[in-house]
Structures are given as C-alpha cells and as structure tokens.
Amino acid sequence: MPFAVHHFPAGNDDNHPRDRDRDDRRRTQLDCARVVLERSSSLLLSSSDAFLVARRRRRHQGLTAASASAAAAAAAAEGADCSVAESGARENRDTVFCQMRRALDLVHFVAKEGVMVRK
C-alpha cells in the first residue's frame, strides 16, 4: 500500500459523543482521500502516457507531411484527428490531476481542522 493510513488516538473514554463523531468523520474523510489518491496514481500514469503518445504521433505525422507533398493532404486530415485525440488525452490527464489535487486539499483541510480544534 503506497499511502500510509493514520488514525487519530482514541483518547479517554469520557470523550463527548460530538468529539467521537468528529474523529470518525475525519477518519472517513482521510480514508476517502487515500482511496482516491491510490486509484488516481495509476490513472495519472496511464493518462499521461496516452497524452504523450498522441503528441508524438501528431509531431511524427507533421514531419511526414512536410517531406512528401502528395501525402501531405492525407496526413493533415489524420493530423486533425490526432489533435482531437491529443486534446482528449490532455483533458483526461488534467481531470485526473485535478481529482488528486482535490484529495490532497481534503487531507490538508482535515489536518488543519484537527490542529485548530486541538488547540
């Protein structure tokens, strides 16, 4: 498991139920963020790879079109499809990255809230 699981200390048995509920909520939020980060790490790798493959394909077709004028029209038509594929791959990569950033923001919020409450 690449991400460590941290749990809040149980504390005394005479804790107020509100405190136990708050700690349970924090544990649940951190567990959700951990799951999102674990799943998204492999998705980010594959979506970045797909984006780079689409970008390389577009650049390679651009070089082919420049070298052969007869094939330039066909390559340009395929290049339009490739740029659509590249923009789709870029959108997927950016979406996964934003999802990971939101999960990290949740971890930051839970940690900050825990520090403010414990003071």
N, C-alpha and C. Protein backbone atom coordinates (compact mmCIF):
# COMPACT_ATOMS: atom_id res chain seq x y z
N MET A 1 0.85 -1.17 0.00
CA MET A 1 0.00 0.00 0.00
C MET A 1 0.90 1.24 0.00
N PRO A 2 0.85 2.08 -1.04
CA PRO A 2 1.78 3.20 -1.15
C PRO A 2 1.50 4.34 -0.17
N PHE A 3 0.29 4.48 0.30
CA PHE A 3 -0.03 5.58 1.19
C PHE A 3 -0.32 5.04 2.58
N ALA A 4 0.29 5.66 3.58
CA ALA A 4 0.11 5.19 4.96
C ALA A 4 -1.25 5.61 5.48
N VAL A 5 -1.79 4.81 6.37
CA VAL A 5 -3.07 5.10 7.00
C VAL A 5 -2.78 5.58 8.40
N HIS A 6 -3.23 6.77 8.72
CA HIS A 6 -3.03 7.32 10.05
C HIS A 6 -4.38 7.47 10.72
N HIS A 7 -4.44 7.05 11.95
CA HIS A 7 -5.68 7.18 12.71
C HIS A 7 -5.43 8.08 13.90
N PHE A 8 -6.47 8.78 14.28
CA PHE A 8 -6.38 9.65 15.43
C PHE A 8 -6.41 8.82 16.71
N PRO A 9 -5.72 9.25 17.75
CA PRO A 9 -5.76 8.49 19.00
C PRO A 9 -7.17 8.46 19.57
N ALA A 10 -7.48 7.36 20.24
CA ALA A 10 -8.83 7.18 20.76
C ALA A 10 -9.12 8.14 21.90
N GLY A 11 -8.13 8.47 22.70
CA GLY A 11 -8.35 9.41 23.81
C GLY A 11 -9.00 8.73 24.98
N ASN A 12 -9.57 9.50 25.87
CA ASN A 12 -10.22 8.97 27.06
C ASN A 12 -11.60 8.43 26.72
N ASP A 13 -12.11 7.56 27.61
CA ASP A 13 -13.44 7.00 27.40
C ASP A 13 -14.53 8.01 27.70
N ASP A 14 -14.18 9.07 28.44
CA ASP A 14 -15.20 10.05 28.80
C ASP A 14 -15.31 11.18 27.78
N ASN A 15 -14.84 10.93 26.53
CA ASN A 15 -14.99 11.92 25.46
C ASN A 15 -16.46 12.18 25.19
N HIS A 16 -16.72 13.37 24.80
CA HIS A 16 -18.08 13.74 24.42
C HIS A 16 -18.42 13.05 23.11
N PRO A 17 -19.67 12.61 22.92
CA PRO A 17 -20.05 11.95 21.66
C PRO A 17 -19.77 12.81 20.44
N ARG A 18 -19.86 14.12 20.61
CA ARG A 18 -19.59 15.02 19.49
C ARG A 18 -18.13 14.89 19.05
N ASP A 19 -17.21 14.74 20.02
CA ASP A 19 -15.80 14.57 19.68
C ASP A 19 -15.56 13.25 18.96
N ARG A 20 -16.22 12.20 19.41
CA ARG A 20 -16.08 10.90 18.74
C ARG A 20 -16.63 10.97 17.32
N ASP A 21 -17.74 11.66 17.14
CA ASP A 21 -18.31 11.81 15.80
C ASP A 21 -17.37 12.60 14.88
N ARG A 22 -16.77 13.64 15.44
CA ARG A 22 -15.84 14.45 14.66
C ARG A 22 -14.62 13.63 14.25
N ASP A 23 -14.09 12.83 15.19
CA ASP A 23 -12.95 11.98 14.86
C ASP A 23 -13.32 10.92 13.82
N ASP A 24 -14.51 10.35 13.95
CA ASP A 24 -14.96 9.39 12.95
C ASP A 24 -15.10 10.03 11.57
N ARG A 25 -15.61 11.26 11.56
CA ARG A 25 -15.75 11.98 10.29
C ARG A 25 -14.37 12.23 9.67
N ARG A 26 -13.40 12.62 10.48
CA ARG A 26 -12.05 12.86 9.97
C ARG A 26 -11.43 11.58 9.43
N ARG A 27 -11.59 10.48 10.16
CA ARG A 27 -11.06 9.20 9.68
C ARG A 27 -11.68 8.83 8.34
N THR A 28 -12.98 9.02 8.23
CA THR A 28 -13.66 8.69 6.98
C THR A 28 -13.17 9.58 5.84
N GLN A 29 -13.01 10.87 6.10
CA GLN A 29 -12.53 11.77 5.06
C GLN A 29 -11.11 11.40 4.63
N LEU A 30 -10.25 11.08 5.58
CA LEU A 30 -8.89 10.69 5.22
C LEU A 30 -8.87 9.37 4.47
N ASP A 31 -9.72 8.43 4.86
CA ASP A 31 -9.79 7.16 4.14
C ASP A 31 -10.26 7.37 2.70
N CYS A 32 -11.24 8.23 2.51
CA CYS A 32 -11.73 8.53 1.15
C CYS A 32 -10.63 9.18 0.31
N ALA A 33 -9.92 10.13 0.90
CA ALA A 33 -8.84 10.79 0.18
C ALA A 33 -7.74 9.80 -0.18
N ARG A 34 -7.43 8.89 0.73
CA ARG A 34 -6.40 7.88 0.48
C ARG A 34 -6.81 6.98 -0.69
N VAL A 35 -8.07 6.56 -0.72
CA VAL A 35 -8.55 5.70 -1.81
C VAL A 35 -8.46 6.43 -3.14
N VAL A 36 -8.87 7.69 -3.15
CA VAL A 36 -8.80 8.47 -4.40
C VAL A 36 -7.35 8.60 -4.86
N LEU A 37 -6.43 8.87 -3.95
CA LEU A 37 -5.03 9.02 -4.32
C LEU A 37 -4.44 7.70 -4.82
N GLU A 38 -4.78 6.59 -4.18
CA GLU A 38 -4.26 5.30 -4.63
C GLU A 38 -4.75 4.96 -6.04
N ARG A 39 -6.03 5.16 -6.27
CA ARG A 39 -6.58 4.83 -7.59
C ARG A 39 -6.09 5.81 -8.65
N SER A 40 -5.98 7.06 -8.29
CA SER A 40 -5.62 8.07 -9.28
C SER A 40 -4.15 8.02 -9.66
N SER A 41 -3.30 7.48 -8.81
CA SER A 41 -1.88 7.46 -9.14
C SER A 41 -1.63 6.62 -10.40
N SER A 42 -2.26 5.46 -10.50
CA SER A 42 -2.09 4.65 -11.71
C SER A 42 -2.81 5.29 -12.90
N LEU A 43 -3.97 5.91 -12.65
CA LEU A 43 -4.68 6.60 -13.73
C LEU A 43 -3.87 7.76 -14.28
N LEU A 44 -3.20 8.49 -13.41
CA LEU A 44 -2.38 9.62 -13.86
C LEU A 44 -1.23 9.12 -14.74
N LEU A 45 -0.63 8.02 -14.35
CA LEU A 45 0.45 7.45 -15.15
C LEU A 45 -0.04 7.05 -16.53
N SER A 46 -1.15 6.33 -16.61
CA SER A 46 -1.64 5.88 -17.91
C SER A 46 -2.19 7.03 -18.75
N SER A 47 -2.84 8.01 -18.13
CA SER A 47 -3.37 9.13 -18.91
C SER A 47 -2.25 10.03 -19.42
N SER A 48 -1.19 10.18 -18.64
CA SER A 48 -0.03 10.96 -19.10
C SER A 48 0.66 10.24 -20.25
N ASP A 49 0.75 8.92 -20.15
CA ASP A 49 1.35 8.13 -21.22
C ASP A 49 0.54 8.26 -22.50
N ALA A 50 -0.79 8.18 -22.40
CA ALA A 50 -1.64 8.32 -23.58
C ALA A 50 -1.50 9.70 -24.21
N PHE A 51 -1.38 10.72 -23.37
CA PHE A 51 -1.20 12.07 -23.88
C PHE A 51 0.12 12.19 -24.64
N LEU A 52 1.19 11.64 -24.07
CA LEU A 52 2.49 11.73 -24.74
C LEU A 52 2.52 10.93 -26.04
N VAL A 53 1.85 9.80 -26.08
CA VAL A 53 1.77 9.01 -27.32
C VAL A 53 1.02 9.80 -28.39
N ALA A 54 -0.08 10.41 -28.03
CA ALA A 54 -0.85 11.20 -29.00
C ALA A 54 -0.05 12.40 -29.49
N ARG A 55 0.71 13.01 -28.61
CA ARG A 55 1.53 14.17 -29.00
C ARG A 55 2.65 13.73 -29.95
N ARG A 56 3.31 12.61 -29.63
CA ARG A 56 4.37 12.11 -30.51
C ARG A 56 3.82 11.75 -31.88
N ARG A 57 2.64 11.14 -31.90
CA ARG A 57 2.02 10.75 -33.17
C ARG A 57 1.75 11.99 -34.03
N ARG A 58 1.25 13.05 -33.40
CA ARG A 58 0.96 14.28 -34.16
C ARG A 58 2.24 14.88 -34.71
N ARG A 59 3.29 14.92 -33.91
CA ARG A 59 4.56 15.50 -34.38
C ARG A 59 5.16 14.66 -35.48
N HIS A 60 5.08 13.34 -35.36
CA HIS A 60 5.62 12.46 -36.39
C HIS A 60 4.86 12.64 -37.70
N GLN A 61 3.55 12.77 -37.64
CA GLN A 61 2.77 12.97 -38.85
C GLN A 61 3.06 14.32 -39.46
N GLY A 62 3.37 15.31 -38.64
CA GLY A 62 3.73 16.63 -39.17
C GLY A 62 5.03 16.56 -39.95
N LEU A 63 6.00 15.79 -39.49
CA LEU A 63 7.26 15.62 -40.22
C LEU A 63 7.05 14.85 -41.51
N THR A 64 6.19 13.86 -41.49
CA THR A 64 5.89 13.09 -42.70
C THR A 64 5.21 13.97 -43.73
N ALA A 65 4.30 14.82 -43.29
CA ALA A 65 3.57 15.69 -44.22
C ALA A 65 4.51 16.70 -44.86
N ALA A 66 5.52 17.16 -44.14
CA ALA A 66 6.45 18.13 -44.69
C ALA A 66 7.36 17.50 -45.73
N SER A 67 7.66 16.21 -45.60
CA SER A 67 8.60 15.57 -46.53
C SER A 67 7.95 15.11 -47.83
N ALA A 68 6.68 14.82 -47.80
CA ALA A 68 6.01 14.32 -49.01
C ALA A 68 4.77 15.17 -49.27
N SER A 69 4.79 15.93 -50.38
CA SER A 69 3.68 16.83 -50.67
C SER A 69 2.42 16.06 -51.07
N ALA A 70 2.55 14.91 -51.72
CA ALA A 70 1.37 14.13 -52.12
C ALA A 70 0.66 13.55 -50.90
N ALA A 71 1.41 13.17 -49.90
CA ALA A 71 0.82 12.58 -48.70
C ALA A 71 0.45 13.65 -47.68
N ALA A 72 0.76 14.90 -47.98
CA ALA A 72 0.52 15.97 -47.02
C ALA A 72 -0.96 16.16 -46.74
N ALA A 73 -1.79 16.06 -47.75
CA ALA A 73 -3.23 16.25 -47.55
C ALA A 73 -3.81 15.14 -46.68
N ALA A 74 -3.40 13.91 -46.92
CA ALA A 74 -3.89 12.78 -46.13
C ALA A 74 -3.38 12.88 -44.69
N ALA A 75 -2.12 13.24 -44.53
CA ALA A 75 -1.55 13.36 -43.18
C ALA A 75 -2.18 14.53 -42.43
N ALA A 76 -2.49 15.59 -43.15
CA ALA A 76 -3.14 16.73 -42.49
C ALA A 76 -4.53 16.35 -42.00
N ALA A 77 -5.25 15.54 -42.81
CA ALA A 77 -6.57 15.09 -42.37
C ALA A 77 -6.45 14.19 -41.15
N GLU A 78 -5.45 13.30 -41.15
CA GLU A 78 -5.22 12.45 -39.97
C GLU A 78 -4.70 13.27 -38.80
N GLY A 79 -3.93 14.31 -39.11
CA GLY A 79 -3.41 15.19 -38.06
C GLY A 79 -4.52 15.88 -37.30
N ALA A 80 -5.61 16.21 -38.01
CA ALA A 80 -6.75 16.82 -37.32
C ALA A 80 -7.36 15.83 -36.33
N ASP A 81 -7.47 14.56 -36.74
CA ASP A 81 -7.97 13.54 -35.82
C ASP A 81 -7.02 13.36 -34.65
N CYS A 82 -5.73 13.44 -34.94
CA CYS A 82 -4.74 13.25 -33.90
C CYS A 82 -4.78 14.38 -32.88
N SER A 83 -5.01 15.61 -33.34
CA SER A 83 -5.08 16.71 -32.40
C SER A 83 -6.32 16.59 -31.51
N VAL A 84 -7.40 16.01 -32.07
CA VAL A 84 -8.58 15.75 -31.26
C VAL A 84 -8.25 14.69 -30.21
N ALA A 85 -7.52 13.65 -30.64
CA ALA A 85 -7.10 12.61 -29.69
C ALA A 85 -6.17 13.19 -28.64
N GLU A 86 -5.29 14.08 -29.06
CA GLU A 86 -4.36 14.70 -28.12
C GLU A 86 -5.10 15.57 -27.11
N SER A 87 -6.09 16.35 -27.58
CA SER A 87 -6.83 17.20 -26.64
C SER A 87 -7.68 16.36 -25.68
N GLY A 88 -8.21 15.22 -26.16
CA GLY A 88 -8.95 14.33 -25.28
C GLY A 88 -8.05 13.71 -24.22
N ALA A 89 -6.84 13.31 -24.65
CA ALA A 89 -5.88 12.73 -23.71
C ALA A 89 -5.42 13.77 -22.70
N ARG A 90 -5.24 14.99 -23.18
CA ARG A 90 -4.85 16.08 -22.27
C ARG A 90 -5.96 16.36 -21.24
N GLU A 91 -7.19 16.34 -21.71
CA GLU A 91 -8.32 16.58 -20.80
C GLU A 91 -8.42 15.48 -19.74
N ASN A 92 -8.21 14.22 -20.16
CA ASN A 92 -8.22 13.12 -19.19
C ASN A 92 -7.11 13.28 -18.16
N ARG A 93 -5.91 13.60 -18.62
CA ARG A 93 -4.78 13.78 -17.71
C ARG A 93 -5.05 14.90 -16.73
N ASP A 94 -5.55 16.02 -17.23
CA ASP A 94 -5.83 17.17 -16.35
C ASP A 94 -6.94 16.86 -15.36
N THR A 95 -7.95 16.08 -15.78
CA THR A 95 -9.03 15.72 -14.87
C THR A 95 -8.53 14.84 -13.73
N VAL A 96 -7.69 13.87 -14.05
CA VAL A 96 -7.13 13.00 -13.01
C VAL A 96 -6.26 13.83 -12.06
N PHE A 97 -5.48 14.74 -12.62
CA PHE A 97 -4.62 15.57 -11.78
C PHE A 97 -5.45 16.45 -10.85
N CYS A 98 -6.53 17.03 -11.35
CA CYS A 98 -7.41 17.85 -10.50
C CYS A 98 -8.06 17.01 -9.41
N GLN A 99 -8.43 15.79 -9.74
CA GLN A 99 -9.03 14.90 -8.75
C GLN A 99 -8.02 14.61 -7.63
N MET A 100 -6.77 14.39 -7.98
CA MET A 100 -5.74 14.15 -6.97
C MET A 100 -5.50 15.40 -6.14
N ARG A 101 -5.54 16.55 -6.79
CA ARG A 101 -5.33 17.79 -6.05
C ARG A 101 -6.47 18.05 -5.07
N ARG A 102 -7.70 17.72 -5.45
CA ARG A 102 -8.82 17.86 -4.52
C ARG A 102 -8.68 16.92 -3.33
N ALA A 103 -8.20 15.70 -3.57
CA ALA A 103 -7.99 14.76 -2.47
C ALA A 103 -6.91 15.27 -1.52
N LEU A 104 -5.86 15.85 -2.06
CA LEU A 104 -4.81 16.43 -1.20
C LEU A 104 -5.34 17.65 -0.45
N ASP A 105 -6.19 18.43 -1.08
CA ASP A 105 -6.82 19.55 -0.38
C ASP A 105 -7.67 19.07 0.79
N LEU A 106 -8.36 17.94 0.60
CA LEU A 106 -9.16 17.38 1.68
C LEU A 106 -8.27 16.95 2.84
N VAL A 107 -7.14 16.31 2.54
CA VAL A 107 -6.20 15.91 3.59
C VAL A 107 -5.69 17.15 4.33
N HIS A 108 -5.37 18.19 3.59
CA HIS A 108 -4.89 19.43 4.20
C HIS A 108 -5.97 20.04 5.09
N PHE A 109 -7.21 20.05 4.62
CA PHE A 109 -8.30 20.62 5.39
C PHE A 109 -8.52 19.84 6.68
N VAL A 110 -8.51 18.51 6.60
CA VAL A 110 -8.73 17.69 7.79
C VAL A 110 -7.61 17.90 8.79
N ALA A 111 -6.37 17.96 8.30
CA ALA A 111 -5.24 18.18 9.21
C ALA A 111 -5.31 19.56 9.85
N LYS A 112 -5.65 20.56 9.06
CA LYS A 112 -5.73 21.92 9.58
C LYS A 112 -6.86 22.04 10.59
N GLU A 113 -8.01 21.42 10.31
CA GLU A 113 -9.14 21.45 11.23
C GLU A 113 -8.77 20.74 12.53
N GLY A 114 -8.04 19.63 12.44
CA GLY A 114 -7.61 18.90 13.63
C GLY A 114 -6.68 19.72 14.50
N VAL A 115 -5.79 20.49 13.88
CA VAL A 115 -4.88 21.33 14.65
C VAL A 115 -5.62 22.46 15.32
N MET A 116 -6.59 23.05 14.62
CA MET A 116 -7.33 24.18 15.18
C MET A 116 -8.22 23.72 16.34
N VAL A 117 -8.80 22.53 16.25
CA VAL A 117 -9.69 22.04 17.30
C VAL A 117 -8.89 21.64 18.53
N ARG A 118 -7.71 21.08 18.34
CA ARG A 118 -6.91 20.56 19.45
C ARG A 118 -6.26 21.66 20.27
N LYS A 119 -6.20 22.87 19.75
CA LYS A 119 -5.54 23.97 20.49
C LYS A 119 -6.26 24.32 21.75
